[in-house]
Amino acid sequence: MNTRPTIIFDFDGTIALGDGPVLAYAQQAADVIGAPDGFVDGIRAALAAGDPDSLDGYDAVRRAAEQLGADAEALGRAYLASRAQLGTPAAEITAPAGLADFLADAAAHAERVLVTNAPGIRLDEALGALGLAGLFDRIVSGAGKPDGLDVVLDALPDGARVLSVGDIWVNDLAPVHRRGGATALVGDFPDAAADPTFRAADLTVLLPQLRDWLTDSASASPLTPTTTTEG
């Protein structure tokens, strides 16, 4: 059966760009654990230099805070407090250039799904601030990727063609890759295991290739069942 393709987007670091949310998390973590002066500046410097030992900026904050004795409960409180600032001047975000037009055009050809591990706190407001309100057919927050992405994939029709776009290979792309779907990796955090269909530091650069994927049935691989999970 020929079904409409599905394009799955991650949120943080993929369609919501900028260091604002990570730095807000760093500031909240510093306040919660009483970190010494310079903690946030250290995170800012790590983001600028790149951190090969972290999955993303949030992971860099977690690792730095844990070195100062922060536990999961403290970091959880800090993270939720930072999400309450999402899309405000305290945690500014921007969208990749051209993404709104791409999503609007894609409406006629594909299901557009946003899947994020972040809670739904201020998510609608953030999409509005990004100029992306109303441009997703379905939004899944608190997804618990990577396992949660498999749940989303399992609910798709048999033979669905899938493209997943994200900045963390293991969370956003690996489950789709295992099933033979297409993947687009964006961002600057390296992963030696990554084997994406498309790759660029900025999503804007990839939009022409994603458009081609939408219109080229030969590029849109059918999804196949899998029981494999990440180790």
Protein backbone atom coordinates (compact mmCIF):
# COMPACT_ATOMS: atom_id res chain seq x y z
CA MET A 1 0.00 0.00 0.00
CA ASN A 2 1.36 3.41 -0.95
CA THR A 3 1.29 5.68 2.11
CA ARG A 4 2.35 9.26 2.59
CA PRO A 5 5.94 9.56 3.78
CA THR A 6 6.62 10.72 7.32
CA ILE A 7 9.26 13.27 8.25
CA ILE A 8 10.23 13.22 11.92
CA PHE A 9 12.03 16.22 13.41
CA ASP A 10 13.84 16.59 16.72
CA PHE A 11 13.45 19.90 18.58
CA ASP A 12 16.50 21.11 20.55
CA GLY A 13 19.54 21.54 18.33
CA THR A 14 17.59 20.64 15.20
CA ILE A 15 14.73 23.08 14.65
CA ALA A 16 15.41 25.19 17.76
CA LEU A 17 18.87 26.65 17.42
CA GLY A 18 21.04 28.73 19.70
CA ASP A 19 22.81 28.26 23.01
CA GLY A 20 20.11 30.10 24.98
CA PRO A 21 18.28 27.05 26.39
CA VAL A 22 21.53 25.27 27.31
CA LEU A 23 22.92 28.37 29.03
CA ALA A 24 19.61 28.82 30.87
CA TYR A 25 19.97 25.22 32.08
CA ALA A 26 23.55 25.91 33.11
CA GLN A 27 22.47 29.00 35.08
CA GLN A 28 19.65 27.13 36.80
CA ALA A 29 22.02 24.27 37.63
CA ALA A 30 24.56 26.71 39.02
CA ASP A 31 21.89 28.27 41.22
CA VAL A 32 20.58 24.91 42.47
CA ILE A 33 23.95 23.43 43.36
CA GLY A 34 25.73 26.64 44.35
CA ALA A 35 28.34 26.31 41.63
CA PRO A 36 31.35 28.62 41.79
CA ASP A 37 31.54 31.77 39.70
CA GLY A 38 32.42 31.03 36.12
CA PHE A 39 30.37 27.84 35.79
CA VAL A 40 28.11 29.27 33.07
CA ASP A 41 31.07 30.90 31.33
CA GLY A 42 32.79 27.52 31.31
CA ILE A 43 29.78 25.96 29.59
CA ARG A 44 29.68 28.82 27.09
CA ALA A 45 33.36 28.22 26.28
CA ALA A 46 32.78 24.46 25.92
CA LEU A 47 29.93 25.07 23.48
CA ALA A 48 32.10 27.38 21.41
CA ALA A 49 35.01 24.94 21.34
CA GLY A 50 32.98 21.77 20.85
CA ASP A 51 32.92 18.87 23.32
CA PRO A 52 33.65 15.43 21.85
CA ASP A 53 32.78 13.75 25.15
CA SER A 54 29.20 15.07 25.29
CA LEU A 55 26.13 14.14 23.28
CA ASP A 56 25.00 17.77 23.15
CA GLY A 57 25.07 20.97 25.20
CA TYR A 58 22.64 19.65 27.80
CA ASP A 59 24.88 16.65 28.34
CA ALA A 60 27.85 18.98 28.74
CA VAL A 61 26.01 20.84 31.50
CA ARG A 62 25.07 17.59 33.21
CA ARG A 63 28.62 16.29 33.17
CA ALA A 64 30.08 19.55 34.47
CA ALA A 65 27.48 19.78 37.23
CA GLU A 66 27.98 16.16 38.29
CA GLN A 67 31.68 16.85 38.71
CA LEU A 68 30.62 19.42 41.32
CA GLY A 69 28.44 16.88 43.12
CA ALA A 70 25.05 17.52 41.50
CA ASP A 71 22.62 14.59 41.64
CA ALA A 72 19.79 13.68 39.28
CA GLU A 73 17.13 15.34 41.44
CA ALA A 74 18.95 18.68 41.48
CA LEU A 75 19.62 18.56 37.77
CA GLY A 76 15.99 17.65 37.08
CA ARG A 77 14.79 20.71 38.99
CA ALA A 78 17.28 22.91 37.16
CA TYR A 79 16.25 21.54 33.78
CA LEU A 80 12.52 22.05 34.36
CA ALA A 81 13.17 25.59 35.57
CA SER A 82 15.14 26.31 32.41
CA ARG A 83 12.35 24.93 30.19
CA ALA A 84 9.96 27.42 31.76
CA GLN A 85 12.17 30.09 30.15
CA LEU A 86 12.18 28.51 26.67
CA GLY A 87 11.73 31.04 23.89
CA THR A 88 12.03 34.02 26.25
CA PRO A 89 14.99 36.44 26.38
CA ALA A 90 16.47 34.18 29.07
CA ALA A 91 16.56 31.22 26.67
CA GLU A 92 16.43 32.59 23.15
CA ILE A 93 16.03 30.29 20.15
CA THR A 94 15.94 30.68 16.38
CA ALA A 95 14.75 28.43 13.56
CA PRO A 96 16.92 27.35 10.62
CA ALA A 97 16.43 29.67 7.67
CA GLY A 98 13.92 28.28 5.20
CA LEU A 99 12.48 25.64 7.55
CA ALA A 100 9.04 27.26 7.84
CA ASP A 101 8.66 27.33 4.04
CA PHE A 102 9.86 23.73 3.79
CA LEU A 103 7.34 22.53 6.36
CA ALA A 104 4.52 24.48 4.73
CA ASP A 105 5.34 22.98 1.32
CA ALA A 106 5.71 19.50 2.80
CA ALA A 107 2.15 19.55 4.13
CA ALA A 108 0.83 18.37 0.79
CA HIS A 109 3.24 15.47 0.54
CA ALA A 110 4.09 14.10 3.99
CA GLU A 111 3.11 13.76 7.60
CA ARG A 112 5.22 16.18 9.63
CA VAL A 113 5.96 14.93 13.14
CA LEU A 114 7.90 16.60 15.95
CA VAL A 115 9.34 14.13 18.47
CA THR A 116 11.28 15.50 21.42
CA ASN A 117 12.52 14.16 24.73
CA ALA A 118 11.83 17.55 26.27
CA PRO A 119 8.61 18.04 28.23
CA GLY A 120 5.80 20.06 26.71
CA ILE A 121 6.61 23.08 28.90
CA ARG A 122 6.31 26.21 26.70
CA LEU A 123 6.64 24.07 23.58
CA ASP A 124 3.69 25.70 21.80
CA GLU A 125 4.98 29.14 22.72
CA ALA A 126 8.46 28.23 21.51
CA LEU A 127 7.13 27.02 18.16
CA GLY A 128 5.30 30.31 17.86
CA ALA A 129 8.48 32.24 18.61
CA LEU A 130 10.25 30.20 15.92
CA GLY A 131 7.56 30.95 13.34
CA LEU A 132 6.68 27.25 13.16
CA ALA A 133 3.28 27.22 14.86
CA GLY A 134 0.78 24.97 13.11
CA LEU A 135 3.40 23.43 10.82
CA PHE A 136 3.48 19.98 12.46
CA ASP A 137 0.72 17.44 12.07
CA ARG A 138 1.64 15.72 15.30
CA ILE A 139 3.82 16.58 18.31
CA VAL A 140 5.20 14.00 20.73
CA SER A 141 6.88 15.49 23.81
CA GLY A 142 8.58 13.60 26.62
CA ALA A 143 9.21 10.88 24.05
CA GLY A 144 12.00 9.01 25.85
CA LYS A 145 14.13 8.52 22.74
CA PRO A 146 15.70 6.33 21.54
CA ASP A 147 13.20 3.72 22.76
CA GLY A 148 10.37 6.21 22.45
CA LEU A 149 11.19 6.77 18.80
CA ASP A 150 10.68 3.05 18.18
CA VAL A 151 7.21 3.45 19.70
CA VAL A 152 6.44 6.22 17.20
CA LEU A 153 7.75 4.11 14.32
CA ASP A 154 5.77 1.06 15.40
CA ALA A 155 2.55 3.10 15.13
CA LEU A 156 3.16 4.05 11.49
CA PRO A 157 1.41 2.16 8.68
CA ASP A 158 3.17 -0.86 7.19
CA GLY A 159 5.48 0.20 4.38
CA ALA A 160 5.68 3.81 5.57
CA ARG A 161 8.59 5.76 4.15
CA VAL A 162 10.39 7.65 6.89
CA LEU A 163 13.00 10.39 7.12
CA SER A 164 14.21 11.38 10.58
CA VAL A 165 16.06 14.66 11.18
CA GLY A 166 18.02 15.29 14.36
CA ASP A 167 21.29 16.22 16.01
CA ILE A 168 21.92 13.14 18.17
CA TRP A 169 22.53 9.94 16.21
CA VAL A 170 21.68 7.43 18.92
CA ASN A 171 18.47 9.19 19.98
CA ASP A 172 17.07 10.77 16.83
CA LEU A 173 18.31 8.68 13.94
CA ALA A 174 19.64 5.23 14.83
CA PRO A 175 16.18 3.64 15.34
CA VAL A 176 15.11 4.78 11.86
CA HIS A 177 18.44 3.76 10.31
CA ARG A 178 18.08 0.23 11.73
CA ARG A 179 14.75 -0.12 9.93
CA GLY A 180 16.09 1.07 6.59
CA GLY A 181 14.69 4.60 6.76
CA ALA A 182 16.47 7.78 5.69
CA THR A 183 18.25 9.99 8.21
CA ALA A 184 19.58 13.54 8.28
CA LEU A 185 22.16 14.44 10.94
CA VAL A 186 22.71 18.09 11.79
CA GLY A 187 24.92 19.89 14.28
CA ASP A 188 28.50 19.82 15.47
CA PHE A 189 28.58 17.04 18.07
CA PRO A 190 30.51 14.10 16.60
CA ASP A 191 29.51 10.45 16.86
CA ALA A 192 31.78 7.80 15.40
CA ALA A 193 28.82 5.42 15.02
CA ALA A 194 26.80 7.83 12.88
CA ASP A 195 26.01 6.72 9.34
CA PRO A 196 23.34 9.17 8.13
CA THR A 197 21.85 9.47 4.66
CA PHE A 198 22.40 13.25 4.77
CA ARG A 199 24.68 15.29 7.00
CA ALA A 200 25.48 18.98 7.53
CA ALA A 201 26.26 21.35 10.37
CA ASP A 202 23.13 23.38 9.58
CA LEU A 203 19.69 22.10 8.63
CA THR A 204 19.26 24.91 6.10
CA VAL A 205 22.01 23.36 3.97
CA LEU A 206 20.11 20.07 3.85
CA LEU A 207 16.68 21.42 2.92
CA PRO A 208 17.19 20.98 -0.85
CA GLN A 209 18.12 17.33 -0.29
CA LEU A 210 15.12 16.83 1.98
CA ARG A 211 12.90 18.31 -0.73
CA ASP A 212 14.38 15.84 -3.20
CA TRP A 213 13.69 13.00 -0.78
CA LEU A 214 10.06 14.02 -0.63
CA THR A 215 9.61 13.99 -4.38
CA ASP A 216 11.86 11.08 -5.28
CA SER A 217 10.17 7.80 -4.43
CA ALA A 218 13.40 5.93 -5.10
CA SER A 219 15.09 7.81 -2.26
CA ALA A 220 12.25 7.22 0.18
CA SER A 221 13.10 3.84 1.69
CA PRO A 222 10.25 1.76 3.14
CA LEU A 223 10.49 1.12 6.85
CA THR A 224 11.02 -2.48 7.93
CA PRO A 225 10.26 -4.03 11.34
CA THR A 226 13.08 -4.53 13.81
CA THR A 227 13.56 -5.93 17.27
CA THR A 228 17.07 -4.58 17.68
CA THR A 229 17.73 -2.04 20.43
CA GLU A 230 20.74 0.09 21.17
CA GLY A 231 23.18 -1.49 23.56
